[in-house]
Amino acid sequence: MRRKAEVITKISLLKQKIDQCLDDRDREGFIRFSHELKVCQRYLGTLMKNPQNRLKGQLEQNRDKFFHF
């Protein structure tokens, strides 16, 4: 969960940097930050798809720990 929060924060900061590059007409910075943003978004998508990182997946894995019937 912490890793997801870190990636989401980084995505937000990268979007701000991209906006700043657009304002400053900094083409090289725009390209660099856009590429880094795409990488972070793909990584976040991977984290979200991985069932071990999702709450439902964690609950299913730990079901036996909670219920001893």
Protein backbone atom coordinates (compact mmCIF):
# COMPACT_ATOMS: atom_id res chain seq x y z
CA MET A 1 0.00 0.00 0.00
CA ARG A 2 2.84 2.37 0.81
CA ARG A 3 4.48 1.70 -2.55
CA LYS A 4 1.26 2.68 -4.34
CA ALA A 5 1.08 5.94 -2.40
CA GLU A 6 4.69 6.74 -3.30
CA VAL A 7 4.07 6.09 -6.99
CA ILE A 8 0.88 8.17 -6.99
CA THR A 9 2.76 11.03 -5.34
CA LYS A 10 5.55 10.78 -7.88
CA ILE A 11 3.01 10.82 -10.74
CA SER A 12 1.47 13.98 -9.34
CA LEU A 13 4.86 15.69 -9.06
CA LEU A 14 5.81 14.63 -12.59
CA LYS A 15 2.59 16.13 -13.95
CA GLN A 16 3.46 19.41 -12.24
CA LYS A 17 6.95 19.32 -13.75
CA ILE A 18 5.49 18.62 -17.20
CA ASP A 19 3.15 21.60 -16.83
CA GLN A 20 6.12 23.77 -15.85
CA CYS A 21 8.07 22.54 -18.89
CA LEU A 22 5.13 23.45 -21.12
CA ASP A 23 4.98 26.93 -19.59
CA ASP A 24 8.74 27.37 -20.07
CA ARG A 25 8.70 25.76 -23.55
CA ASP A 26 11.34 23.28 -22.35
CA ARG A 27 11.09 20.51 -24.93
CA GLU A 28 13.86 18.30 -23.48
CA GLY A 29 12.42 18.45 -19.96
CA PHE A 30 8.94 17.73 -21.31
CA ILE A 31 10.16 14.64 -23.15
CA ARG A 32 12.16 13.37 -20.16
CA PHE A 33 9.37 13.89 -17.61
CA SER A 34 6.72 12.50 -19.99
CA HIS A 35 8.72 9.32 -20.43
CA GLU A 36 9.21 8.98 -16.66
CA LEU A 37 5.47 9.58 -16.15
CA LYS A 38 4.60 6.76 -18.57
CA VAL A 39 6.93 4.39 -16.72
CA CYS A 40 5.38 5.30 -13.35
CA GLN A 41 1.84 4.91 -14.69
CA ARG A 42 2.63 1.46 -16.07
CA TYR A 43 4.21 0.47 -12.77
CA LEU A 44 1.15 1.68 -10.86
CA GLY A 45 -1.07 -0.30 -13.25
CA THR A 46 1.00 -3.40 -12.53
CA LEU A 47 0.67 -2.84 -8.79
CA MET A 48 -3.09 -2.45 -9.09
CA LYS A 49 -3.49 -5.61 -11.19
CA ASN A 50 -1.38 -7.78 -8.90
CA PRO A 51 -3.89 -9.59 -6.61
CA GLN A 52 -1.34 -9.83 -3.79
CA ASN A 53 -1.27 -6.05 -3.54
CA ARG A 54 -5.02 -5.60 -3.54
CA LEU A 55 -6.98 -5.67 -0.31
CA LYS A 56 -9.33 -8.37 -1.55
CA GLY A 57 -6.39 -10.59 -2.48
CA GLN A 58 -4.82 -10.05 0.91
CA LEU A 59 -8.05 -10.93 2.69
CA GLU A 60 -8.43 -14.12 0.68
CA GLN A 61 -4.88 -15.15 1.48
CA ASN A 62 -5.35 -14.48 5.18
CA ARG A 63 -8.84 -15.93 5.48
CA ASP A 64 -7.60 -18.98 7.38
CA LYS A 65 -5.89 -16.77 9.94
CA PHE A 66 -9.18 -15.07 10.85
CA PHE A 67 -11.63 -17.93 10.70
CA HIS A 68 -10.82 -21.21 12.44
CA PHE A 69 -13.92 -23.29 11.78
